[in-house]
Amino acid sequence: MRITVNQDKCVSSGQCVLNAMDLFDQRDEDGVVELLVPEPGPDQADNARAAAAACPALAIDLEE
């Protein structure tokens, strides 16, 4: 799996961090998503999918 994020689309809702805090963080100054792990292991795949599904701006793309 490969994760990419579009910071320009991000609305700083924090749903990604709530669903996968090991994979995502938010910038302190504006809350925009920061990708911590672009290629998560199989044990993190479900959390990555949950984060992408929860993102209201559809700013997270997964390539399986």
PDB file of N, CA and C in Angstrom:
ATOM      1  N   MET A   1       0.841  -1.183   0.000  1.00  0.00           N
ATOM      2  CA  MET A   1       0.000   0.000   0.000  1.00  0.00           C
ATOM      3  C   MET A   1       0.882   1.240   0.000  1.00  0.00           C
ATOM      4  N   ARG A   2       0.424   2.246  -0.717  1.00  0.00           N
ATOM      5  CA  ARG A   2       1.106   3.545  -0.744  1.00  0.00           C
ATOM      6  C   ARG A   2       0.073   4.629  -0.471  1.00  0.00           C
ATOM      7  N   ILE A   3       0.406   5.541   0.433  1.00  0.00           N
ATOM      8  CA  ILE A   3      -0.477   6.643   0.794  1.00  0.00           C
ATOM      9  C   ILE A   3       0.086   7.932   0.229  1.00  0.00           C
ATOM     10  N   THR A   4      -0.791   8.744  -0.336  1.00  0.00           N
ATOM     11  CA  THR A   4      -0.424  10.113  -0.700  1.00  0.00           C
ATOM     12  C   THR A   4      -1.504  11.031  -0.139  1.00  0.00           C
ATOM     13  N   VAL A   5      -1.100  12.249   0.170  1.00  0.00           N
ATOM     14  CA  VAL A   5      -2.053  13.233   0.671  1.00  0.00           C
ATOM     15  C   VAL A   5      -1.971  14.495  -0.178  1.00  0.00           C
ATOM     16  N   ASN A   6      -3.101  15.164  -0.293  1.00  0.00           N
ATOM     17  CA  ASN A   6      -3.158  16.442  -0.999  1.00  0.00           C
ATOM     18  C   ASN A   6      -3.402  17.515   0.060  1.00  0.00           C
ATOM     19  N   GLN A   7      -2.338  18.176   0.468  1.00  0.00           N
ATOM     20  CA  GLN A   7      -2.449  19.180   1.520  1.00  0.00           C
ATOM     21  C   GLN A   7      -3.309  20.365   1.100  1.00  0.00           C
ATOM     22  N   ASP A   8      -3.413  20.626  -0.193  1.00  0.00           N
ATOM     23  CA  ASP A   8      -4.246  21.731  -0.672  1.00  0.00           C
ATOM     24  C   ASP A   8      -5.734  21.452  -0.473  1.00  0.00           C
ATOM     25  N   LYS A   9      -6.123  20.177  -0.462  1.00  0.00           N
ATOM     26  CA  LYS A   9      -7.518  19.799  -0.245  1.00  0.00           C
ATOM     27  C   LYS A   9      -7.882  19.725   1.234  1.00  0.00           C
ATOM     28  N   CYS A  10      -6.901  19.508   2.078  1.00  0.00           N
ATOM     29  CA  CYS A  10      -7.134  19.250   3.506  1.00  0.00           C
ATOM     30  C   CYS A  10      -7.898  20.401   4.161  1.00  0.00           C
ATOM     31  N   VAL A  11      -8.910  20.039   4.962  1.00  0.00           N
ATOM     32  CA  VAL A  11      -9.702  21.030   5.694  1.00  0.00           C
ATOM     33  C   VAL A  11      -9.420  20.980   7.198  1.00  0.00           C
ATOM     34  N   SER A  12      -8.362  20.287   7.586  1.00  0.00           N
ATOM     35  CA  SER A  12      -7.879  20.246   8.979  1.00  0.00           C
ATOM     36  C   SER A  12      -8.893  19.669   9.961  1.00  0.00           C
ATOM     37  N   SER A  13      -9.663  18.673   9.543  1.00  0.00           N
ATOM     38  CA  SER A  13     -10.665  18.081  10.438  1.00  0.00           C
ATOM     39  C   SER A  13     -10.049  17.145  11.471  1.00  0.00           C
ATOM     40  N   GLY A  14      -8.878  16.594  11.172  1.00  0.00           N
ATOM     41  CA  GLY A  14      -8.197  15.711  12.110  1.00  0.00           C
ATOM     42  C   GLY A  14      -8.687  14.275  12.111  1.00  0.00           C
ATOM     43  N   GLN A  15      -9.598  13.933  11.216  1.00  0.00           N
ATOM     44  CA  GLN A  15     -10.113  12.571  11.175  1.00  0.00           C
ATOM     45  C   GLN A  15      -9.024  11.547  10.848  1.00  0.00           C
ATOM     46  N   CYS A  16      -8.053  11.945  10.054  1.00  0.00           N
ATOM     47  CA  CYS A  16      -6.957  11.037   9.714  1.00  0.00           C
ATOM     48  C   CYS A  16      -6.167  10.655  10.963  1.00  0.00           C
ATOM     49  N   VAL A  17      -5.869  11.640  11.788  1.00  0.00           N
ATOM     50  CA  VAL A  17      -5.104  11.394  13.013  1.00  0.00           C
ATOM     51  C   VAL A  17      -5.927  10.555  13.988  1.00  0.00           C
ATOM     52  N   LEU A  18      -7.210  10.827  14.102  1.00  0.00           N
ATOM     53  CA  LEU A  18      -8.060  10.045  14.994  1.00  0.00           C
ATOM     54  C   LEU A  18      -8.129   8.581  14.586  1.00  0.00           C
ATOM     55  N   ASN A  19      -8.054   8.308  13.296  1.00  0.00           N
ATOM     56  CA  ASN A  19      -8.145   6.938  12.796  1.00  0.00           C
ATOM     57  C   ASN A  19      -6.797   6.239  12.644  1.00  0.00           C
ATOM     58  N   ALA A  20      -5.727   7.006  12.498  1.00  0.00           N
ATOM     59  CA  ALA A  20      -4.412   6.398  12.257  1.00  0.00           C
ATOM     60  C   ALA A  20      -3.299   7.332  12.728  1.00  0.00           C
ATOM     61  N   MET A  21      -3.181   7.489  14.032  1.00  0.00           N
ATOM     62  CA  MET A  21      -2.201   8.444  14.570  1.00  0.00           C
ATOM     63  C   MET A  21      -0.750   8.040  14.305  1.00  0.00           C
ATOM     64  N   ASP A  22      -0.514   6.780  13.965  1.00  0.00           N
ATOM     65  CA  ASP A  22       0.843   6.359  13.615  1.00  0.00           C
ATOM     66  C   ASP A  22       1.201   6.722  12.180  1.00  0.00           C
ATOM     67  N   LEU A  23       0.190   7.028  11.363  1.00  0.00           N
ATOM     68  CA  LEU A  23       0.418   7.314   9.948  1.00  0.00           C
ATOM     69  C   LEU A  23       0.323   8.789   9.600  1.00  0.00           C
ATOM     70  N   PHE A  24      -0.472   9.532  10.380  1.00  0.00           N
ATOM     71  CA  PHE A  24      -0.745  10.930  10.063  1.00  0.00           C
ATOM     72  C   PHE A  24      -0.541  11.831  11.273  1.00  0.00           C
ATOM     73  N   ASP A  25      -0.236  13.078  11.003  1.00  0.00           N
ATOM     74  CA  ASP A  25      -0.168  14.121  12.025  1.00  0.00           C
ATOM     75  C   ASP A  25      -0.738  15.384  11.385  1.00  0.00           C
ATOM     76  N   GLN A  26      -0.805  16.439  12.179  1.00  0.00           N
ATOM     77  CA  GLN A  26      -1.277  17.723  11.665  1.00  0.00           C
ATOM     78  C   GLN A  26      -0.257  18.801  11.989  1.00  0.00           C
ATOM     79  N   ARG A  27      -0.074  19.732  11.046  1.00  0.00           N
ATOM     80  CA  ARG A  27       0.840  20.857  11.283  1.00  0.00           C
ATOM     81  C   ARG A  27       0.311  21.700  12.434  1.00  0.00           C
ATOM     82  N   ASP A  28       1.209  22.145  13.276  1.00  0.00           N
ATOM     83  CA  ASP A  28       0.824  22.954  14.437  1.00  0.00           C
ATOM     84  C   ASP A  28       0.190  24.276  14.038  1.00  0.00           C
ATOM     85  N   GLU A  29       0.709  24.905  12.994  1.00  0.00           N
ATOM     86  CA  GLU A  29       0.251  26.256  12.651  1.00  0.00           C
ATOM     87  C   GLU A  29      -1.137  26.311  12.028  1.00  0.00           C
ATOM     88  N   ASP A  30      -1.549  25.254  11.298  1.00  0.00           N
ATOM     89  CA  ASP A  30      -2.850  25.326  10.630  1.00  0.00           C
ATOM     90  C   ASP A  30      -3.644  24.020  10.625  1.00  0.00           C
ATOM     91  N   GLY A  31      -3.097  22.976  11.191  1.00  0.00           N
ATOM     92  CA  GLY A  31      -3.819  21.709  11.285  1.00  0.00           C
ATOM     93  C   GLY A  31      -3.868  20.882  10.021  1.00  0.00           C
ATOM     94  N   VAL A  32      -3.153  21.291   8.985  1.00  0.00           N
ATOM     95  CA  VAL A  32      -3.150  20.546   7.723  1.00  0.00           C
ATOM     96  C   VAL A  32      -2.422  19.211   7.919  1.00  0.00           C
ATOM     97  N   VAL A  33      -2.926  18.200   7.244  1.00  0.00           N
ATOM     98  CA  VAL A  33      -2.396  16.847   7.354  1.00  0.00           C
ATOM     99  C   VAL A  33      -0.904  16.785   6.996  1.00  0.00           C
ATOM    100  N   GLU A  34      -0.200  15.945   7.751  1.00  0.00           N
ATOM    101  CA  GLU A  34       1.181  15.590   7.436  1.00  0.00           C
ATOM    102  C   GLU A  34       1.251  14.071   7.409  1.00  0.00           C
ATOM    103  N   LEU A  35       1.795  13.534   6.346  1.00  0.00           N
ATOM    104  CA  LEU A  35       1.931  12.089   6.196  1.00  0.00           C
ATOM    105  C   LEU A  35       3.219  11.638   6.866  1.00  0.00           C
ATOM    106  N   LEU A  36       3.103  10.714   7.808  1.00  0.00           N
ATOM    107  CA  LEU A  36       4.273  10.220   8.531  1.00  0.00           C
ATOM    108  C   LEU A  36       4.847   8.954   7.904  1.00  0.00           C
ATOM    109  N   VAL A  37       3.966   8.098   7.360  1.00  0.00           N
ATOM    110  CA  VAL A  37       4.387   6.804   6.823  1.00  0.00           C
ATOM    111  C   VAL A  37       3.745   6.603   5.453  1.00  0.00           C
ATOM    112  N   PRO A  38       4.472   6.879   4.372  1.00  0.00           N
ATOM    113  CA  PRO A  38       3.885   6.753   3.035  1.00  0.00           C
ATOM    114  C   PRO A  38       3.634   5.306   2.598  1.00  0.00           C
ATOM    115  N   GLU A  39       4.355   4.348   3.169  1.00  0.00           N
ATOM    116  CA  GLU A  39       4.170   2.937   2.806  1.00  0.00           C
ATOM    117  C   GLU A  39       3.967   2.117   4.078  1.00  0.00           C
ATOM    118  N   PRO A  40       2.736   2.105   4.587  1.00  0.00           N
ATOM    119  CA  PRO A  40       2.473   1.382   5.830  1.00  0.00           C
ATOM    120  C   PRO A  40       2.536  -0.130   5.640  1.00  0.00           C
ATOM    121  N   GLY A  41       2.815  -0.815   6.727  1.00  0.00           N
ATOM    122  CA  GLY A  41       2.836  -2.268   6.700  1.00  0.00           C
ATOM    123  C   GLY A  41       1.429  -2.834   6.695  1.00  0.00           C
ATOM    124  N   PRO A  42       1.323  -4.126   6.473  1.00  0.00           N
ATOM    125  CA  PRO A  42       0.010  -4.779   6.433  1.00  0.00           C
ATOM    126  C   PRO A  42      -0.792  -4.583   7.723  1.00  0.00           C
ATOM    127  N   ASP A  43      -0.104  -4.468   8.836  1.00  0.00           N
ATOM    128  CA  ASP A  43      -0.788  -4.290  10.117  1.00  0.00           C
ATOM    129  C   ASP A  43      -1.409  -2.898  10.263  1.00  0.00           C
ATOM    130  N   GLN A  44      -1.033  -1.965   9.407  1.00  0.00           N
ATOM    131  CA  GLN A  44      -1.559  -0.601   9.464  1.00  0.00           C
ATOM    132  C   GLN A  44      -2.557  -0.304   8.336  1.00  0.00           C
ATOM    133  N   ALA A  45      -2.763  -1.256   7.469  1.00  0.00           N
ATOM    134  CA  ALA A  45      -3.603  -1.038   6.282  1.00  0.00           C
ATOM    135  C   ALA A  45      -5.044  -0.685   6.647  1.00  0.00           C
ATOM    136  N   ASP A  46      -5.619  -1.373   7.606  1.00  0.00           N
ATOM    137  CA  ASP A  46      -7.013  -1.083   7.980  1.00  0.00           C
ATOM    138  C   ASP A  46      -7.160   0.330   8.524  1.00  0.00           C
ATOM    139  N   ASN A  47      -6.190   0.778   9.317  1.00  0.00           N
ATOM    140  CA  ASN A  47      -6.232   2.142   9.849  1.00  0.00           C
ATOM    141  C   ASN A  47      -6.080   3.169   8.725  1.00  0.00           C
ATOM    142  N   ALA A  48      -5.239   2.879   7.756  1.00  0.00           N
ATOM    143  CA  ALA A  48      -5.072   3.784   6.612  1.00  0.00           C
ATOM    144  C   ALA A  48      -6.371   3.892   5.831  1.00  0.00           C
ATOM    145  N   ARG A  49      -7.039   2.765   5.616  1.00  0.00           N
ATOM    146  CA  ARG A  49      -8.322   2.783   4.900  1.00  0.00           C
ATOM    147  C   ARG A  49      -9.375   3.567   5.680  1.00  0.00           C
ATOM    148  N   ALA A  50      -9.397   3.378   6.995  1.00  0.00           N
ATOM    149  CA  ALA A  50     -10.367   4.101   7.828  1.00  0.00           C
ATOM    150  C   ALA A  50     -10.120   5.602   7.778  1.00  0.00           C
ATOM    151  N   ALA A  51      -8.859   5.999   7.809  1.00  0.00           N
ATOM    152  CA  ALA A  51      -8.519   7.421   7.743  1.00  0.00           C
ATOM    153  C   ALA A  51      -8.936   8.022   6.409  1.00  0.00           C
ATOM    154  N   ALA A  52      -8.669   7.314   5.323  1.00  0.00           N
ATOM    155  CA  ALA A  52      -9.049   7.808   3.997  1.00  0.00           C
ATOM    156  C   ALA A  52     -10.562   7.923   3.876  1.00  0.00           C
ATOM    157  N   ALA A  53     -11.278   6.947   4.402  1.00  0.00           N
ATOM    158  CA  ALA A  53     -12.737   6.964   4.327  1.00  0.00           C
ATOM    159  C   ALA A  53     -13.332   8.078   5.183  1.00  0.00           C
ATOM    160  N   ALA A  54     -12.679   8.416   6.283  1.00  0.00           N
ATOM    161  CA  ALA A  54     -13.196   9.432   7.207  1.00  0.00           C
ATOM    162  C   ALA A  54     -12.859  10.853   6.786  1.00  0.00           C
ATOM    163  N   CYS A  55     -11.946  11.020   5.847  1.00  0.00           N
ATOM    164  CA  CYS A  55     -11.515  12.359   5.448  1.00  0.00           C
ATOM    165  C   CYS A  55     -12.642  13.085   4.695  1.00  0.00           C
ATOM    166  N   PRO A  56     -13.175  14.173   5.265  1.00  0.00           N
ATOM    167  CA  PRO A  56     -14.286  14.866   4.605  1.00  0.00           C
ATOM    168  C   PRO A  56     -13.879  15.569   3.311  1.00  0.00           C
ATOM    169  N   ALA A  57     -12.586  15.848   3.144  1.00  0.00           N
ATOM    170  CA  ALA A  57     -12.111  16.554   1.946  1.00  0.00           C
ATOM    171  C   ALA A  57     -11.575  15.605   0.878  1.00  0.00           C
ATOM    172  N   LEU A  58     -11.571  14.304   1.178  1.00  0.00           N
ATOM    173  CA  LEU A  58     -11.010  13.296   0.253  1.00  0.00           C
ATOM    174  C   LEU A  58      -9.577  13.648  -0.125  1.00  0.00           C
ATOM    175  N   ALA A  59      -8.800  14.054   0.881  1.00  0.00           N
ATOM    176  CA  ALA A  59      -7.418  14.473   0.655  1.00  0.00           C
ATOM    177  C   ALA A  59      -6.417  13.342   0.764  1.00  0.00           C
ATOM    178  N   ILE A  60      -6.883  12.134   1.079  1.00  0.00           N
ATOM    179  CA  ILE A  60      -6.001  10.978   1.251  1.00  0.00           C
ATOM    180  C   ILE A  60      -6.280   9.978   0.138  1.00  0.00           C
ATOM    181  N   ASP A  61      -5.244   9.610  -0.593  1.00  0.00           N
ATOM    182  CA  ASP A  61      -5.358   8.602  -1.651  1.00  0.00           C
ATOM    183  C   ASP A  61      -4.557   7.373  -1.267  1.00  0.00           C
ATOM    184  N   LEU A  62      -5.153   6.209  -1.496  1.00  0.00           N
ATOM    185  CA  LEU A  62      -4.482   4.937  -1.230  1.00  0.00           C
ATOM    186  C   LEU A  62      -4.293   4.186  -2.526  1.00  0.00           C
ATOM    187  N   GLU A  63      -3.117   3.664  -2.698  1.00  0.00           N
ATOM    188  CA  GLU A  63      -2.818   2.790  -3.837  1.00  0.00           C
ATOM    189  C   GLU A  63      -2.499   1.428  -3.255  1.00  0.00           C
ATOM    190  N   GLU A  64      -3.363   0.486  -3.525  1.00  0.00           N
ATOM    191  CA  GLU A  64      -3.204  -0.855  -2.926  1.00  0.00           C
ATOM    192  C   GLU A  64      -2.334  -1.736  -3.797  1.00  0.00           C
TER     193      GLU A  64
END
